[in-house]
Protein backbone atom coordinates (compact mmCIF):
# COMPACT_ATOMS: atom_id res chain seq x y z
CA MET A 1 100.95 105.25 51.83
CA PRO A 2 100.73 109.06 51.93
CA LEU A 3 102.91 111.00 54.33
CA ASP A 4 99.86 112.08 56.37
CA ASP A 5 98.94 108.47 57.17
CA PHE A 6 102.56 107.73 58.03
CA MET A 7 102.66 110.65 60.47
CA ARG A 8 99.43 109.50 62.10
CA LEU A 9 100.86 105.99 62.50
CA LEU A 10 104.08 107.41 63.94
CA ILE A 11 102.16 109.54 66.45
CA ALA A 12 99.95 106.59 67.46
CA VAL A 13 102.98 104.32 67.98
CA SER A 14 104.82 106.97 70.00
CA ILE A 15 101.77 107.55 72.23
CA LEU A 16 101.50 103.79 72.77
CA LEU A 17 105.19 103.59 73.70
CA VAL A 18 104.82 106.48 76.15
CA ALA A 19 101.80 104.76 77.75
CA VAL A 20 103.70 101.47 78.12
CA ALA A 21 106.70 103.30 79.60
CA ALA A 22 104.42 105.09 82.08
CA VAL A 23 102.91 101.78 83.22
CA VAL A 24 106.38 100.25 83.65
CA VAL A 25 107.52 103.26 85.69
CA LEU A 26 104.42 103.06 87.91
CA VAL A 27 104.95 99.34 88.53
CA LYS A 28 108.63 99.89 89.38
CA LEU A 29 107.68 102.73 91.74
CA ALA A 30 105.06 100.56 93.45
CA MET A 31 107.60 97.76 93.94
CA LEU A 32 110.15 100.23 95.30
CA LEU A 33 107.64 101.70 97.76
CA ASP A 34 106.62 98.21 98.91
CA ASN A 35 110.26 97.26 99.53
CA LEU A 36 110.83 100.53 101.37
CA ARG A 37 107.77 99.93 103.56
CA GLU A 38 109.00 96.44 104.46
CA LYS A 39 112.42 97.83 105.42
CA ILE A 40 110.79 100.52 107.56
CA ASP A 41 108.65 97.84 109.24
CA GLN A 42 111.81 95.88 110.08
CA ILE A 43 113.55 98.92 111.54
CA TRP A 44 110.56 100.51 113.26
CA PRO A 45 107.71 97.97 113.59
CA THR A 46 104.18 99.30 113.39
CA GLU A 47 101.08 97.55 114.72
CA ARG A 48 100.39 95.97 111.32
CA GLY A 49 104.04 94.92 111.00
CA ARG A 50 103.91 93.16 114.37
CA GLU A 51 100.79 91.23 113.33
CA ARG A 52 102.55 89.84 110.23
CA THR A 53 105.56 88.46 112.11
């Protein structure tokens, strides 16, 4: 396999890894924001928070 093909493969794999890492970070951030919103609802209930309880 020529070096050019190897470099293309390396770049493709690194881009894929960066995309997967970005998705993981976004999911973690969404979970963190959801937990934070629930804690805020417990401390300072909003109209929607009162309906759920």
